[in-house]
Amino acid sequence: SVSENFVFKSMRAKTGIGSVSDICSRYLMSHFFQYQLRYSISGQVCGLCGDFDGDARNDFTTQGNLEVGSAIEFGNSWKVDSNCPNVEENVDPCVAAPNRHPWAKLMCSIITGETFKACHHKVPPNVYYENCVRDSCACDSGGDCECYCSAVAAYAQACNEAGVCVAWRTPEICPVFCEYYNNHGECKWHYSPCHTPCYKTCLNPQGICANPLPNLEGKP
């Protein structure tokens, strides 16, 4: 499993993974994990992320290897701690918090609007917009901006991997505050919305990576 500290197991190997390089995990900013698998292990994993066999219809496979149609039943089957109560109902967060719905739709419209227009033909935005609205409605007890920013960042990363770099953060929308005081020419390190993850470091002085990754948002 990814971590026993999590409530759920996210992924595990059915028959064994040949190399640690078969699975690549990425931690983006402060809130977003992404896992990238090699095609060589297609169908050899299971868990909340599916089985990576190219068929999304069988992704809802429980820990007991049963295909189910309910997201709740599927999610409950992958609990790490059996003492945790099962989720009984899948509540629409925007129905539960209707006062947040107009705000969520307005803010998440950045995904379907002009900011990401260049990406729309590469990565259809509607699913990301809907996820953004739901996530933004759900964060009603603090951290609301972080949930919203995480959802937009997920679409920005998908665009990045499709070859479209979008500099979407501003001082008003999910800012990286330190960068606005980090003038070019004064410091070597700068925030970049789409920086290559392979560059020279103390551990990699040649800047050569055996398993290159898509460009990533962050500070090179």
Protein backbone atom coordinates (compact mmCIF):
# COMPACT_ATOMS: atom_id res chain seq x y z
CA SER A 1 0.00 0.00 0.00
CA VAL A 2 1.04 3.60 -0.42
CA SER A 3 0.93 4.39 3.28
CA GLU A 4 -0.55 2.73 6.34
CA ASN A 5 -1.20 6.20 7.77
CA PHE A 6 -3.94 6.72 5.20
CA VAL A 7 -7.48 5.56 5.86
CA PHE A 8 -7.46 3.67 2.57
CA LYS A 9 -4.88 1.61 0.72
CA SER A 10 -4.36 3.31 -2.59
CA MET A 11 -2.52 0.68 -4.60
CA ARG A 12 -0.72 -2.61 -4.26
CA ALA A 13 0.88 -5.14 -6.63
CA LYS A 14 -0.96 -8.37 -7.43
CA THR A 15 2.04 -10.33 -8.69
CA GLY A 16 4.93 -8.11 -7.68
CA ILE A 17 6.43 -5.04 -9.28
CA GLY A 18 9.65 -5.67 -11.16
CA SER A 19 11.33 -2.38 -10.35
CA VAL A 20 10.76 0.62 -8.12
CA SER A 21 10.89 2.67 -11.32
CA ASP A 22 7.68 0.96 -12.50
CA ILE A 23 5.72 3.29 -10.24
CA CYS A 24 6.49 6.99 -10.03
CA SER A 25 4.84 9.14 -7.38
CA ARG A 26 4.71 12.91 -7.58
CA TYR A 27 3.88 15.35 -4.82
CA LEU A 28 2.74 18.64 -6.31
CA MET A 29 2.66 21.78 -4.18
CA SER A 30 1.07 21.02 -0.79
CA HIS A 31 -2.00 19.03 -1.71
CA PHE A 32 -1.80 16.82 -4.76
CA PHE A 33 -0.39 13.33 -5.23
CA GLN A 34 -0.07 11.81 -8.67
CA TYR A 35 1.07 8.31 -9.54
CA GLN A 36 2.39 7.34 -12.96
CA LEU A 37 2.82 3.67 -13.88
CA ARG A 38 4.71 2.01 -16.70
CA TYR A 39 2.62 0.10 -19.23
CA SER A 40 4.70 -2.97 -18.45
CA ILE A 41 2.70 -3.46 -15.24
CA SER A 42 -0.71 -2.89 -16.82
CA GLY A 43 -3.28 -5.03 -15.03
CA GLN A 44 -0.90 -5.93 -12.20
CA VAL A 45 -2.14 -3.38 -9.68
CA CYS A 46 -5.37 -2.91 -7.78
CA GLY A 47 -6.93 -0.53 -5.30
CA LEU A 48 -8.60 2.85 -5.30
CA CYS A 49 -6.69 3.87 -8.44
CA GLY A 50 -8.06 0.94 -10.46
CA ASP A 51 -6.16 -1.89 -12.10
CA PHE A 52 -4.53 0.06 -14.97
CA ASP A 53 -5.63 -2.37 -17.68
CA GLY A 54 -7.09 0.25 -19.99
CA ASP A 55 -10.69 -0.67 -19.17
CA ALA A 56 -12.34 1.80 -16.79
CA ARG A 57 -15.44 -0.41 -16.53
CA ASN A 58 -13.76 -2.82 -14.10
CA ASP A 59 -12.00 -0.26 -11.93
CA PHE A 60 -14.59 -0.66 -9.15
CA THR A 61 -13.07 -3.95 -7.99
CA THR A 62 -13.17 -4.50 -4.23
CA GLN A 63 -10.39 -5.77 -2.04
CA GLY A 64 -12.15 -9.15 -2.25
CA ASN A 65 -11.75 -9.08 -6.06
CA LEU A 66 -15.45 -8.50 -6.76
CA GLU A 67 -16.60 -6.03 -9.41
CA VAL A 68 -19.28 -3.71 -8.02
CA GLY A 69 -21.26 -0.81 -9.39
CA SER A 70 -21.36 1.30 -6.24
CA ALA A 71 -18.58 3.78 -5.51
CA ILE A 72 -19.48 3.58 -1.82
CA GLU A 73 -19.20 -0.21 -1.67
CA PHE A 74 -15.94 -0.05 -3.64
CA GLY A 75 -14.42 2.62 -1.40
CA ASN A 76 -15.49 0.95 1.84
CA SER A 77 -13.84 -2.31 0.79
CA TRP A 78 -10.41 -0.67 0.71
CA LYS A 79 -10.40 0.64 4.27
CA VAL A 80 -7.17 0.03 6.16
CA ASP A 81 -8.74 0.32 9.62
CA SER A 82 -11.77 -1.95 10.06
CA ASN A 83 -12.81 0.13 13.09
CA CYS A 84 -13.64 3.07 10.84
CA PRO A 85 -17.37 3.17 10.08
CA ASN A 86 -18.50 2.57 6.52
CA VAL A 87 -19.71 5.46 4.41
CA GLU A 88 -23.44 4.96 4.02
CA GLU A 89 -24.47 7.72 1.65
CA ASN A 90 -22.87 9.57 -1.25
CA VAL A 91 -24.02 13.12 -0.60
CA ASP A 92 -23.70 15.81 -3.25
CA PRO A 93 -21.63 18.47 -1.41
CA CYS A 94 -23.28 21.29 -3.36
CA VAL A 95 -26.70 20.08 -2.19
CA ALA A 96 -25.42 19.80 1.37
CA ALA A 97 -23.93 23.32 1.22
CA PRO A 98 -26.11 25.23 -1.29
CA ASN A 99 -24.72 28.58 -0.14
CA ARG A 100 -21.33 27.59 -1.55
CA HIS A 101 -22.61 26.43 -4.93
CA PRO A 102 -22.74 29.84 -6.70
CA TRP A 103 -19.25 30.70 -5.44
CA ALA A 104 -17.88 27.32 -6.55
CA LYS A 105 -19.36 27.63 -10.06
CA LEU A 106 -18.05 31.15 -10.45
CA MET A 107 -14.52 30.34 -9.29
CA CYS A 108 -14.26 27.07 -11.21
CA SER A 109 -15.33 28.75 -14.45
CA ILE A 110 -11.65 29.61 -14.89
CA ILE A 111 -11.29 26.04 -16.19
CA THR A 112 -13.86 26.50 -18.97
CA GLY A 113 -13.01 30.16 -19.63
CA GLU A 114 -10.40 32.13 -21.53
CA THR A 115 -7.52 31.31 -19.19
CA PHE A 116 -7.37 27.68 -20.33
CA LYS A 117 -8.83 28.19 -23.81
CA ALA A 118 -5.67 26.97 -25.55
CA CYS A 119 -5.97 23.65 -23.71
CA HIS A 120 -9.64 22.88 -24.29
CA HIS A 121 -9.07 21.09 -27.60
CA LYS A 122 -6.37 18.91 -26.01
CA VAL A 123 -7.99 18.17 -22.64
CA PRO A 124 -11.81 18.47 -22.44
CA PRO A 125 -12.50 20.70 -19.43
CA ASN A 126 -16.02 19.69 -18.41
CA VAL A 127 -15.12 16.78 -16.11
CA TYR A 128 -12.45 18.88 -14.40
CA TYR A 129 -14.90 21.76 -14.01
CA GLU A 130 -17.51 19.48 -12.42
CA ASN A 131 -14.92 17.99 -10.06
CA CYS A 132 -13.76 21.49 -9.16
CA VAL A 133 -17.30 22.58 -8.28
CA ARG A 134 -17.90 19.51 -6.11
CA ASP A 135 -14.57 19.83 -4.32
CA SER A 136 -15.07 23.55 -3.73
CA CYS A 137 -18.54 22.95 -2.31
CA ALA A 138 -17.22 20.21 -0.03
CA CYS A 139 -14.57 22.32 1.72
CA ASP A 140 -16.88 24.21 4.03
CA SER A 141 -14.93 23.94 7.28
CA GLY A 142 -11.72 25.77 6.38
CA GLY A 143 -9.26 25.23 3.58
CA ASP A 144 -11.82 26.14 0.95
CA CYS A 145 -9.31 27.92 -1.25
CA GLU A 146 -6.92 24.99 -1.05
CA CYS A 147 -9.58 22.58 -2.34
CA TYR A 148 -10.40 24.96 -5.17
CA CYS A 149 -6.76 25.55 -6.05
CA SER A 150 -6.05 21.81 -5.97
CA ALA A 151 -8.85 21.17 -8.47
CA VAL A 152 -7.65 23.87 -10.88
CA ALA A 153 -4.05 22.69 -10.50
CA ALA A 154 -5.15 19.18 -11.52
CA TYR A 155 -6.50 20.52 -14.81
CA ALA A 156 -3.42 22.68 -15.33
CA GLN A 157 -1.22 19.60 -14.90
CA ALA A 158 -3.33 17.62 -17.37
CA CYS A 159 -2.87 20.47 -19.86
CA ASN A 160 0.84 20.51 -19.11
CA GLU A 161 1.11 16.81 -19.91
CA ALA A 162 -0.80 17.40 -23.15
CA GLY A 163 1.79 19.99 -24.19
CA VAL A 164 -0.11 23.14 -23.24
CA CYS A 165 1.49 25.31 -20.55
CA VAL A 166 -0.91 27.68 -18.81
CA ALA A 167 0.33 30.29 -16.32
CA TRP A 168 -2.97 30.55 -14.45
CA ARG A 169 -1.96 31.67 -10.97
CA THR A 170 -2.25 35.39 -10.16
CA PRO A 171 -1.95 37.48 -6.98
CA GLU A 172 -5.74 37.05 -6.64
CA ILE A 173 -6.15 33.42 -7.73
CA CYS A 174 -4.16 30.75 -5.89
CA PRO A 175 -1.02 32.90 -5.69
CA VAL A 176 2.54 31.82 -5.07
CA PHE A 177 3.24 34.85 -2.91
CA CYS A 178 7.01 34.61 -2.69
CA GLU A 179 7.40 34.68 -6.48
CA TYR A 180 6.02 38.20 -6.81
CA TYR A 181 8.93 39.47 -4.73
CA ASN A 182 11.50 37.23 -6.41
CA ASN A 183 12.65 39.43 -9.28
CA HIS A 184 14.37 37.83 -12.23
CA GLY A 185 18.06 38.55 -12.20
CA GLU A 186 18.20 38.68 -8.39
CA CYS A 187 17.66 35.02 -7.52
CA LYS A 188 18.43 31.76 -9.31
CA TRP A 189 15.31 29.89 -8.20
CA HIS A 190 11.95 30.87 -9.65
CA TYR A 191 8.48 29.44 -9.69
CA SER A 192 7.48 28.02 -13.08
CA PRO A 193 4.05 26.73 -14.15
CA CYS A 194 5.66 24.14 -16.45
CA HIS A 195 9.25 23.41 -15.55
CA THR A 196 11.12 20.31 -16.60
CA PRO A 197 11.51 17.94 -13.62
CA CYS A 198 14.91 16.82 -14.92
CA TYR A 199 17.70 19.30 -14.28
CA LYS A 200 21.10 19.49 -12.64
CA THR A 201 21.21 18.92 -8.88
CA CYS A 202 23.84 17.83 -6.38
CA LEU A 203 22.66 14.22 -6.79
CA ASN A 204 22.31 14.55 -10.56
CA PRO A 205 25.14 16.88 -11.65
CA GLN A 206 24.78 15.94 -15.33
CA GLY A 207 21.07 16.71 -15.44
CA ILE A 208 20.34 13.40 -17.17
CA CYS A 209 17.24 11.44 -16.11
CA ALA A 210 16.68 7.78 -16.99
CA ASN A 211 12.91 8.07 -16.60
CA PRO A 212 11.87 11.55 -17.73
CA LEU A 213 8.59 12.92 -16.40
CA PRO A 214 6.21 15.46 -17.88
CA ASN A 215 6.86 19.08 -17.00
CA LEU A 216 5.70 19.98 -13.51
CA GLU A 217 4.49 23.05 -11.70
CA GLY A 218 6.86 24.22 -8.99
CA LYS A 219 10.14 25.88 -8.17
CA PRO A 220 13.12 24.50 -10.13
